[in-house]
N, C-alpha and C. Protein backbone atom coordinates (compact mmCIF):
# COMPACT_ATOMS: atom_id res chain seq x y z
N MET A 1 -57.33 42.20 154.47
CA MET A 1 -58.18 41.36 155.28
C MET A 1 -59.45 41.00 154.52
N LYS A 2 -60.04 41.99 153.86
CA LYS A 2 -61.26 41.72 153.08
C LYS A 2 -60.97 40.75 151.95
N ARG A 3 -59.79 40.89 151.36
CA ARG A 3 -59.41 40.00 150.27
C ARG A 3 -59.29 38.56 150.77
N THR A 4 -58.72 38.38 151.94
CA THR A 4 -58.58 37.04 152.52
C THR A 4 -59.95 36.43 152.81
N ILE A 5 -60.85 37.22 153.39
CA ILE A 5 -62.19 36.72 153.68
C ILE A 5 -62.91 36.34 152.40
N LEU A 6 -62.75 37.17 151.37
CA LEU A 6 -63.39 36.88 150.08
C LEU A 6 -62.85 35.59 149.48
N ILE A 7 -61.54 35.41 149.51
CA ILE A 7 -60.92 34.20 148.96
C ILE A 7 -61.42 32.96 149.69
N PHE A 8 -61.40 33.00 151.02
CA PHE A 8 -61.85 31.83 151.78
C PHE A 8 -63.35 31.61 151.63
N GLY A 9 -64.12 32.67 151.47
CA GLY A 9 -65.56 32.52 151.23
C GLY A 9 -65.83 31.81 149.91
N ILE A 10 -65.11 32.20 148.89
CA ILE A 10 -65.27 31.56 147.57
C ILE A 10 -64.83 30.10 147.64
N LEU A 11 -63.70 29.85 148.31
CA LEU A 11 -63.23 28.46 148.46
C LEU A 11 -64.24 27.62 149.24
N ALA A 12 -64.80 28.18 150.30
CA ALA A 12 -65.78 27.44 151.10
C ALA A 12 -67.01 27.12 150.26
N GLY A 13 -67.48 28.10 149.48
CA GLY A 13 -68.63 27.87 148.60
C GLY A 13 -68.34 26.78 147.59
N ALA A 14 -67.14 26.78 147.02
CA ALA A 14 -66.77 25.77 146.03
C ALA A 14 -66.72 24.38 146.66
N VAL A 15 -66.17 24.29 147.86
CA VAL A 15 -66.09 22.99 148.54
C VAL A 15 -67.49 22.48 148.87
N PHE A 16 -68.35 23.34 149.39
CA PHE A 16 -69.71 22.90 149.71
C PHE A 16 -70.48 22.51 148.46
N LEU A 17 -70.26 23.24 147.35
CA LEU A 17 -70.90 22.87 146.09
C LEU A 17 -70.41 21.50 145.63
N LEU A 18 -69.11 21.27 145.70
CA LEU A 18 -68.57 19.95 145.33
C LEU A 18 -69.10 18.86 146.25
N PHE A 19 -69.24 19.17 147.51
CA PHE A 19 -69.75 18.19 148.45
C PHE A 19 -71.19 17.80 148.10
N GLU A 20 -71.99 18.77 147.73
CA GLU A 20 -73.37 18.49 147.32
C GLU A 20 -73.41 17.72 146.01
N LEU A 21 -72.49 18.01 145.11
CA LEU A 21 -72.47 17.30 143.83
C LEU A 21 -72.06 15.84 144.01
N THR A 22 -71.22 15.56 145.00
CA THR A 22 -70.82 14.17 145.21
C THR A 22 -71.99 13.33 145.70
N LYS A 23 -72.98 13.95 146.32
CA LYS A 23 -74.15 13.21 146.76
C LYS A 23 -75.00 12.75 145.59
N LEU A 24 -74.87 13.45 144.45
CA LEU A 24 -75.68 13.12 143.28
C LEU A 24 -75.02 12.09 142.37
N THR A 25 -73.78 11.75 142.62
CA THR A 25 -73.12 10.78 141.75
C THR A 25 -73.57 9.37 142.08
N ARG A 26 -73.36 8.48 141.15
CA ARG A 26 -73.81 7.10 141.36
C ARG A 26 -72.89 6.33 142.30
N TRP A 27 -71.70 6.88 142.56
CA TRP A 27 -70.79 6.20 143.50
C TRP A 27 -70.96 6.70 144.93
N ALA A 28 -71.91 7.58 145.11
CA ALA A 28 -72.08 8.19 146.43
C ALA A 28 -72.44 7.15 147.48
N SER A 29 -71.73 7.20 148.56
CA SER A 29 -72.02 6.36 149.71
C SER A 29 -71.58 7.14 150.95
N PRO A 30 -72.04 6.75 152.12
CA PRO A 30 -71.66 7.49 153.33
C PRO A 30 -70.14 7.53 153.55
N GLU A 31 -69.46 6.46 153.17
CA GLU A 31 -68.01 6.42 153.37
C GLU A 31 -67.28 7.43 152.48
N THR A 32 -67.73 7.54 151.22
CA THR A 32 -67.03 8.46 150.31
C THR A 32 -67.29 9.90 150.70
N SER A 33 -68.46 10.21 151.22
CA SER A 33 -68.72 11.59 151.61
C SER A 33 -67.88 11.99 152.84
N GLU A 34 -67.64 11.03 153.73
CA GLU A 34 -66.78 11.33 154.88
C GLU A 34 -65.33 11.53 154.44
N VAL A 35 -64.90 10.72 153.50
CA VAL A 35 -63.54 10.87 152.98
C VAL A 35 -63.40 12.22 152.28
N PHE A 36 -64.42 12.57 151.49
CA PHE A 36 -64.38 13.86 150.80
C PHE A 36 -64.35 15.01 151.80
N LEU A 37 -65.09 14.89 152.87
CA LEU A 37 -65.11 15.94 153.89
C LEU A 37 -63.74 16.09 154.54
N VAL A 38 -63.08 15.00 154.84
CA VAL A 38 -61.74 15.05 155.43
C VAL A 38 -60.74 15.64 154.44
N LEU A 39 -60.81 15.20 153.19
CA LEU A 39 -59.89 15.71 152.18
C LEU A 39 -60.10 17.21 151.94
N SER A 40 -61.34 17.64 151.93
CA SER A 40 -61.60 19.07 151.72
C SER A 40 -61.11 19.88 152.92
N GLY A 41 -61.23 19.33 154.11
CA GLY A 41 -60.69 20.00 155.29
C GLY A 41 -59.18 20.15 155.21
N LEU A 42 -58.51 19.09 154.80
CA LEU A 42 -57.06 19.15 154.63
C LEU A 42 -56.68 20.16 153.54
N ALA A 43 -57.45 20.18 152.46
CA ALA A 43 -57.19 21.15 151.39
C ALA A 43 -57.33 22.57 151.91
N PHE A 44 -58.34 22.81 152.74
CA PHE A 44 -58.53 24.14 153.32
C PHE A 44 -57.34 24.54 154.17
N ILE A 45 -56.84 23.63 154.96
CA ILE A 45 -55.70 23.93 155.82
C ILE A 45 -54.47 24.26 154.98
N ILE A 46 -54.22 23.48 153.96
CA ILE A 46 -53.05 23.70 153.11
C ILE A 46 -53.17 25.02 152.35
N VAL A 47 -54.34 25.25 151.75
CA VAL A 47 -54.54 26.50 151.00
C VAL A 47 -54.46 27.70 151.94
N GLY A 48 -55.03 27.59 153.13
CA GLY A 48 -54.95 28.68 154.09
C GLY A 48 -53.52 28.99 154.50
N PHE A 49 -52.75 27.94 154.73
CA PHE A 49 -51.35 28.13 155.10
C PHE A 49 -50.57 28.82 153.98
N LEU A 50 -50.77 28.34 152.75
CA LEU A 50 -50.05 28.91 151.62
C LEU A 50 -50.47 30.36 151.36
N LEU A 51 -51.77 30.63 151.44
CA LEU A 51 -52.24 32.00 151.22
C LEU A 51 -51.72 32.95 152.30
N SER A 52 -51.71 32.50 153.54
CA SER A 52 -51.21 33.38 154.60
C SER A 52 -49.73 33.66 154.41
N ARG A 53 -48.97 32.70 153.95
CA ARG A 53 -47.54 32.92 153.69
C ARG A 53 -47.35 33.93 152.57
N ILE A 54 -48.19 33.82 151.53
CA ILE A 54 -48.06 34.72 150.38
C ILE A 54 -48.54 36.12 150.73
N LEU A 55 -49.72 36.21 151.37
CA LEU A 55 -50.32 37.51 151.63
C LEU A 55 -49.58 38.32 152.68
N TRP A 56 -49.01 37.67 153.68
CA TRP A 56 -48.37 38.40 154.76
C TRP A 56 -46.86 38.40 154.68
N LYS A 57 -46.29 37.87 153.61
CA LYS A 57 -44.85 37.90 153.46
C LYS A 57 -44.36 39.33 153.26
N ASP A 58 -45.14 40.15 152.57
CA ASP A 58 -44.76 41.53 152.34
C ASP A 58 -44.76 42.34 153.63
N ASP A 59 -45.63 42.00 154.60
CA ASP A 59 -45.70 42.74 155.85
C ASP A 59 -44.40 42.64 156.64
N GLU A 60 -43.74 41.48 156.57
CA GLU A 60 -42.49 41.30 157.30
C GLU A 60 -41.40 42.18 156.70
N ASN A 61 -41.43 42.36 155.38
CA ASN A 61 -40.41 43.16 154.72
C ASN A 61 -40.64 44.66 154.91
N LYS A 62 -41.86 45.06 155.28
CA LYS A 62 -42.19 46.46 155.44
C LYS A 62 -41.76 47.02 156.80
N LYS A 63 -41.36 46.14 157.73
CA LYS A 63 -40.95 46.60 159.04
C LYS A 63 -39.72 47.48 158.88
N PRO A 64 -39.77 48.70 159.41
CA PRO A 64 -38.62 49.60 159.23
C PRO A 64 -37.38 49.07 159.95
N LYS A 65 -36.28 49.20 159.29
CA LYS A 65 -35.01 48.77 159.86
C LYS A 65 -34.39 49.94 160.60
N PRO A 66 -33.65 49.66 161.66
CA PRO A 66 -32.99 50.74 162.37
C PRO A 66 -32.05 51.49 161.43
N SER A 67 -32.10 52.79 161.51
CA SER A 67 -31.25 53.59 160.64
C SER A 67 -29.86 53.70 161.25
N ASN A 68 -29.18 54.69 160.85
CA ASN A 68 -27.81 54.90 161.30
C ASN A 68 -27.75 54.94 162.84
N THR A 69 -26.79 54.25 163.41
CA THR A 69 -26.68 54.20 164.87
C THR A 69 -26.23 55.54 165.44
N SER A 70 -25.76 56.44 164.60
CA SER A 70 -25.36 57.76 165.11
C SER A 70 -26.59 58.58 165.49
N ASP A 71 -27.78 58.08 165.22
CA ASP A 71 -29.00 58.77 165.64
C ASP A 71 -29.11 58.78 167.16
N LEU A 72 -28.54 57.80 167.83
CA LEU A 72 -28.58 57.76 169.29
C LEU A 72 -27.56 58.75 169.85
N THR A 73 -27.99 59.49 170.85
CA THR A 73 -27.06 60.41 171.51
C THR A 73 -26.15 59.63 172.44
N LYS A 74 -25.12 60.29 172.97
CA LYS A 74 -24.20 59.63 173.90
C LYS A 74 -24.95 59.16 175.14
N GLN A 75 -25.86 60.00 175.62
CA GLN A 75 -26.63 59.65 176.81
C GLN A 75 -27.53 58.44 176.52
N GLU A 76 -28.13 58.41 175.34
CA GLU A 76 -28.98 57.27 174.97
C GLU A 76 -28.16 55.99 174.84
N HIS A 77 -26.92 56.10 174.36
CA HIS A 77 -26.02 54.94 174.32
C HIS A 77 -25.77 54.42 175.73
N LYS A 78 -25.51 55.35 176.66
CA LYS A 78 -25.27 54.94 178.05
C LYS A 78 -26.51 54.25 178.63
N VAL A 79 -27.67 54.85 178.38
CA VAL A 79 -28.92 54.28 178.90
C VAL A 79 -29.16 52.90 178.30
N LEU A 80 -28.92 52.75 177.01
CA LEU A 80 -29.10 51.44 176.37
C LEU A 80 -28.16 50.40 176.96
N GLY A 81 -26.94 50.81 177.23
CA GLY A 81 -25.99 49.89 177.87
C GLY A 81 -26.44 49.47 179.25
N LEU A 82 -27.00 50.40 180.00
CA LEU A 82 -27.49 50.07 181.34
C LEU A 82 -28.75 49.22 181.29
N ILE A 83 -29.57 49.45 180.27
CA ILE A 83 -30.74 48.57 180.08
C ILE A 83 -30.28 47.15 179.81
N ALA A 84 -29.22 47.04 179.00
CA ALA A 84 -28.68 45.71 178.67
C ALA A 84 -28.15 45.01 179.91
N GLU A 85 -27.68 45.79 180.90
CA GLU A 85 -27.20 45.20 182.15
C GLU A 85 -28.34 44.78 183.06
N GLY A 86 -29.57 45.17 182.69
CA GLY A 86 -30.74 44.76 183.46
C GLY A 86 -31.18 45.75 184.51
N LEU A 87 -30.70 46.97 184.44
CA LEU A 87 -31.07 47.97 185.44
C LEU A 87 -32.47 48.52 185.17
N SER A 88 -33.14 48.89 186.24
CA SER A 88 -34.46 49.52 186.12
C SER A 88 -34.28 51.00 185.83
N ASN A 89 -35.39 51.66 185.52
CA ASN A 89 -35.32 53.11 185.27
C ASN A 89 -34.77 53.86 186.47
N ASN A 90 -35.20 53.47 187.66
CA ASN A 90 -34.73 54.14 188.88
C ASN A 90 -33.23 53.93 189.07
N GLU A 91 -32.76 52.72 188.85
CA GLU A 91 -31.33 52.43 189.00
C GLU A 91 -30.50 53.17 187.96
N ILE A 92 -31.03 53.27 186.73
CA ILE A 92 -30.32 54.01 185.68
C ILE A 92 -30.24 55.48 186.06
N ALA A 93 -31.33 56.02 186.58
CA ALA A 93 -31.36 57.43 186.99
C ALA A 93 -30.33 57.70 188.08
N GLU A 94 -30.22 56.80 189.04
CA GLU A 94 -29.25 56.98 190.13
C GLU A 94 -27.81 56.89 189.62
N SER A 95 -27.56 55.97 188.70
CA SER A 95 -26.18 55.80 188.24
C SER A 95 -25.74 56.93 187.31
N LEU A 96 -26.67 57.56 186.59
CA LEU A 96 -26.32 58.65 185.68
C LEU A 96 -26.59 60.03 186.28
N PHE A 97 -27.11 60.07 187.51
CA PHE A 97 -27.43 61.32 188.20
C PHE A 97 -28.41 62.18 187.41
N ILE A 98 -29.47 61.53 186.91
CA ILE A 98 -30.54 62.24 186.22
C ILE A 98 -31.86 61.78 186.81
N SER A 99 -32.95 62.47 186.47
CA SER A 99 -34.24 62.08 187.03
C SER A 99 -34.79 60.86 186.30
N GLU A 100 -35.71 60.19 186.97
CA GLU A 100 -36.32 58.99 186.38
C GLU A 100 -37.14 59.35 185.14
N SER A 101 -37.77 60.53 185.14
CA SER A 101 -38.54 60.92 183.96
C SER A 101 -37.63 61.17 182.76
N THR A 102 -36.42 61.65 183.01
CA THR A 102 -35.45 61.81 181.92
C THR A 102 -35.04 60.46 181.36
N VAL A 103 -34.88 59.47 182.24
CA VAL A 103 -34.56 58.11 181.79
C VAL A 103 -35.69 57.57 180.93
N LYS A 104 -36.93 57.81 181.37
CA LYS A 104 -38.08 57.35 180.59
C LYS A 104 -38.10 58.00 179.21
N THR A 105 -37.74 59.26 179.15
CA THR A 105 -37.66 59.96 177.86
C THR A 105 -36.58 59.34 176.99
N HIS A 106 -35.42 59.07 177.57
CA HIS A 106 -34.33 58.43 176.81
C HIS A 106 -34.75 57.05 176.31
N VAL A 107 -35.39 56.28 177.17
CA VAL A 107 -35.83 54.94 176.77
C VAL A 107 -36.83 55.04 175.62
N SER A 108 -37.75 55.98 175.73
CA SER A 108 -38.74 56.18 174.66
C SER A 108 -38.06 56.55 173.35
N ASN A 109 -37.06 57.44 173.42
CA ASN A 109 -36.32 57.83 172.22
C ASN A 109 -35.54 56.65 171.63
N ILE A 110 -34.96 55.84 172.49
CA ILE A 110 -34.21 54.66 172.04
C ILE A 110 -35.14 53.70 171.30
N LEU A 111 -36.29 53.42 171.92
CA LEU A 111 -37.24 52.50 171.29
C LEU A 111 -37.69 53.04 169.94
N SER A 112 -37.92 54.32 169.87
CA SER A 112 -38.36 54.93 168.62
C SER A 112 -37.28 54.87 167.55
N LYS A 113 -36.07 55.22 167.92
CA LYS A 113 -34.97 55.26 166.95
C LYS A 113 -34.57 53.87 166.47
N LEU A 114 -34.69 52.87 167.33
CA LEU A 114 -34.32 51.50 166.95
C LEU A 114 -35.51 50.71 166.42
N HIS A 115 -36.68 51.35 166.38
CA HIS A 115 -37.91 50.69 165.91
C HIS A 115 -38.19 49.43 166.72
N ALA A 116 -38.06 49.56 168.02
CA ALA A 116 -38.29 48.43 168.93
C ALA A 116 -39.57 48.70 169.72
N ARG A 117 -40.23 47.62 170.13
CA ARG A 117 -41.45 47.74 170.93
C ARG A 117 -41.17 47.64 172.43
N ARG A 118 -40.11 46.88 172.77
CA ARG A 118 -39.79 46.65 174.17
C ARG A 118 -38.31 46.89 174.41
N ARG A 119 -37.98 47.03 175.67
CA ARG A 119 -36.59 47.25 176.06
C ARG A 119 -35.71 46.08 175.63
N THR A 120 -36.22 44.86 175.80
CA THR A 120 -35.43 43.69 175.44
C THR A 120 -35.16 43.64 173.93
N GLU A 121 -36.15 44.07 173.16
CA GLU A 121 -35.97 44.10 171.71
C GLU A 121 -34.93 45.16 171.34
N ALA A 122 -34.93 46.30 172.04
CA ALA A 122 -33.93 47.34 171.79
C ALA A 122 -32.53 46.84 172.11
N VAL A 123 -32.42 46.08 173.19
CA VAL A 123 -31.11 45.51 173.55
C VAL A 123 -30.65 44.54 172.47
N LYS A 124 -31.54 43.71 171.99
CA LYS A 124 -31.19 42.75 170.93
C LYS A 124 -30.74 43.48 169.67
N ILE A 125 -31.47 44.52 169.30
CA ILE A 125 -31.09 45.30 168.11
C ILE A 125 -29.74 45.98 168.34
N GLY A 126 -29.54 46.51 169.55
CA GLY A 126 -28.26 47.13 169.88
C GLY A 126 -27.10 46.15 169.79
N GLN A 127 -27.32 44.93 170.23
CA GLN A 127 -26.28 43.91 170.13
C GLN A 127 -26.05 43.51 168.68
N ASP A 128 -27.12 43.41 167.90
CA ASP A 128 -26.97 43.07 166.48
C ASP A 128 -26.20 44.15 165.73
N LEU A 129 -26.45 45.41 166.10
CA LEU A 129 -25.75 46.53 165.45
C LEU A 129 -24.38 46.79 166.07
N GLU A 130 -24.03 46.00 167.11
CA GLU A 130 -22.75 46.10 167.81
C GLU A 130 -22.51 47.49 168.37
N ILE A 131 -23.57 48.06 168.98
CA ILE A 131 -23.40 49.36 169.65
C ILE A 131 -23.37 49.19 171.16
N ILE A 132 -23.66 47.97 171.64
CA ILE A 132 -23.51 47.71 173.07
C ILE A 132 -22.78 46.39 173.24
């Protein structure tokens, strides 16, 4: 983050310096300074887009991938299947004859093992891994 701020700070300083230098040229007129301002704005947008793609491309690759699907227990497989059917924690507890807090524990374990943030993401990962 500090590196990004430093890069954009240096770029902003360079653009403002160039903008001031254009005022000193013999071709300087109000129209050319407005054109330069628009072009520098477009350059900032393009450079910002390219830098963000380069700097944060590694972050996407660092996301942990789900490991072996055998990490899920049989009960967690059942719970994941019922989540995929759209059942709530209470409904899952009733259908498996377990307490709701046990279901919450299973859901938490599933999310952790599949590296998912939400139940829907866990279902998507489960479908991609063909375990549900």
